[in-house]
Amino acid sequence: MRQTLRRNIIQVCDKKIQQKGEAVGVSFYAFFANKNDDPETLMEVASWWIQTHRLDHFEKAVKIRQMVLDGV
């Protein structure tokens, strides 16, 4: 996954955790606007989330943040 996308995921997770606490869940849609204006990037994250790691639709933001920080 490209570095700019990793930074965005970390920022979004940090914001969600700060707003709602460490138990907050996110889906890969949380990293995008409410419109499909960047399908290639959406598919990149969806592939990482679904195909590579077989994550559930909602996962804890702290888990996703740590996975990205660890370079998983």
C-alpha atoms as a PDB file:
ATOM      1  CA  MET A   1       0.000   0.000   0.000  1.00  0.00           C
ATOM      2  CA  ARG A   2       1.392   3.404  -0.878  1.00  0.00           C
ATOM      3  CA  GLN A   3       2.765   5.653   1.850  1.00  0.00           C
ATOM      4  CA  THR A   4       0.257   8.490   1.352  1.00  0.00           C
ATOM      5  CA  LEU A   5      -2.580   6.041   1.885  1.00  0.00           C
ATOM      6  CA  ARG A   6      -0.927   4.623   5.004  1.00  0.00           C
ATOM      7  CA  ARG A   7      -0.608   8.133   6.443  1.00  0.00           C
ATOM      8  CA  ASN A   8      -4.281   8.830   5.719  1.00  0.00           C
ATOM      9  CA  ILE A   9      -5.394   5.614   7.417  1.00  0.00           C
ATOM     10  CA  ILE A  10      -3.350   6.434  10.515  1.00  0.00           C
ATOM     11  CA  GLN A  11      -4.764   9.979  10.643  1.00  0.00           C
ATOM     12  CA  VAL A  12      -8.353   8.769  10.290  1.00  0.00           C
ATOM     13  CA  CYS A  13      -7.870   6.090  12.944  1.00  0.00           C
ATOM     14  CA  ASP A  14      -6.232   8.596  15.311  1.00  0.00           C
ATOM     15  CA  LYS A  15      -9.140  11.004  14.850  1.00  0.00           C
ATOM     16  CA  LYS A  16     -11.785   8.300  15.409  1.00  0.00           C
ATOM     17  CA  ILE A  17      -9.969   7.013  18.505  1.00  0.00           C
ATOM     18  CA  GLN A  18      -9.650  10.534  19.898  1.00  0.00           C
ATOM     19  CA  GLN A  19     -13.348  11.264  19.275  1.00  0.00           C
ATOM     20  CA  LYS A  20     -14.895   7.978  20.379  1.00  0.00           C
ATOM     21  CA  GLY A  21     -12.298   6.058  22.382  1.00  0.00           C
ATOM     22  CA  GLU A  22     -10.216   2.969  21.805  1.00  0.00           C
ATOM     23  CA  ALA A  23     -13.216   0.695  21.313  1.00  0.00           C
ATOM     24  CA  VAL A  24     -14.310   2.479  18.121  1.00  0.00           C
ATOM     25  CA  GLY A  25     -14.606   0.363  15.007  1.00  0.00           C
ATOM     26  CA  VAL A  26     -13.932   1.346  11.404  1.00  0.00           C
ATOM     27  CA  SER A  27     -14.501  -0.140   7.999  1.00  0.00           C
ATOM     28  CA  PHE A  28     -12.304   0.510   4.993  1.00  0.00           C
ATOM     29  CA  TYR A  29     -14.910   2.989   3.778  1.00  0.00           C
ATOM     30  CA  ALA A  30     -13.958   5.281   6.690  1.00  0.00           C
ATOM     31  CA  PHE A  31     -10.901   6.406   4.744  1.00  0.00           C
ATOM     32  CA  PHE A  32     -12.873   7.866   1.839  1.00  0.00           C
ATOM     33  CA  ALA A  33     -15.404  10.591   1.131  1.00  0.00           C
ATOM     34  CA  ASN A  34     -19.026   9.543   0.698  1.00  0.00           C
ATOM     35  CA  LYS A  35     -18.602   9.325  -3.050  1.00  0.00           C
ATOM     36  CA  ASN A  36     -16.674   7.025  -5.330  1.00  0.00           C
ATOM     37  CA  ASP A  37     -14.327   9.554  -6.904  1.00  0.00           C
ATOM     38  CA  ASP A  38     -11.146   7.455  -6.561  1.00  0.00           C
ATOM     39  CA  PRO A  39     -12.006   3.832  -7.391  1.00  0.00           C
ATOM     40  CA  GLU A  40      -8.371   2.713  -7.768  1.00  0.00           C
ATOM     41  CA  THR A  41      -7.475   3.776  -4.242  1.00  0.00           C
ATOM     42  CA  LEU A  42     -10.697   2.327  -2.859  1.00  0.00           C
ATOM     43  CA  MET A  43      -9.861  -1.018  -4.462  1.00  0.00           C
ATOM     44  CA  GLU A  44      -6.301  -0.861  -3.118  1.00  0.00           C
ATOM     45  CA  VAL A  45      -7.582  -0.508   0.444  1.00  0.00           C
ATOM     46  CA  ALA A  46     -10.368  -3.060  -0.121  1.00  0.00           C
ATOM     47  CA  SER A  47      -7.839  -5.595  -1.414  1.00  0.00           C
ATOM     48  CA  TRP A  48      -5.543  -5.006   1.572  1.00  0.00           C
ATOM     49  CA  TRP A  49      -8.503  -5.261   3.988  1.00  0.00           C
ATOM     50  CA  ILE A  50     -10.472  -8.134   2.455  1.00  0.00           C
ATOM     51  CA  GLN A  51      -8.177 -10.239   0.292  1.00  0.00           C
ATOM     52  CA  THR A  52      -4.823  -9.858   2.025  1.00  0.00           C
ATOM     53  CA  HIS A  53      -5.870  -9.804   5.682  1.00  0.00           C
ATOM     54  CA  ARG A  54      -9.416 -11.227   5.574  1.00  0.00           C
ATOM     55  CA  LEU A  55     -10.612  -8.655   8.091  1.00  0.00           C
ATOM     56  CA  ASP A  56     -14.234  -8.318   9.168  1.00  0.00           C
ATOM     57  CA  HIS A  57     -16.293  -5.451   7.793  1.00  0.00           C
ATOM     58  CA  PHE A  58     -15.731  -3.507  11.034  1.00  0.00           C
ATOM     59  CA  GLU A  59     -12.477  -3.726  12.968  1.00  0.00           C
ATOM     60  CA  LYS A  60     -11.138  -1.765  15.914  1.00  0.00           C
ATOM     61  CA  ALA A  61      -9.393   1.419  14.776  1.00  0.00           C
ATOM     62  CA  VAL A  62      -6.506   0.685  17.158  1.00  0.00           C
ATOM     63  CA  LYS A  63      -5.942  -2.662  15.431  1.00  0.00           C
ATOM     64  CA  ILE A  64      -5.951  -1.166  11.918  1.00  0.00           C
ATOM     65  CA  ARG A  65      -3.715   1.704  13.001  1.00  0.00           C
ATOM     66  CA  GLN A  66      -1.194  -0.722  14.518  1.00  0.00           C
ATOM     67  CA  MET A  67      -1.234  -2.975  11.448  1.00  0.00           C
ATOM     68  CA  VAL A  68      -0.451   0.000   9.217  1.00  0.00           C
ATOM     69  CA  LEU A  69       2.267   1.265  11.572  1.00  0.00           C
ATOM     70  CA  ASP A  70       3.804  -2.208  11.616  1.00  0.00           C
ATOM     71  CA  GLY A  71       3.836  -2.296   7.828  1.00  0.00           C
ATOM     72  CA  VAL A  72       1.549  -5.305   7.654  1.00  0.00           C
END
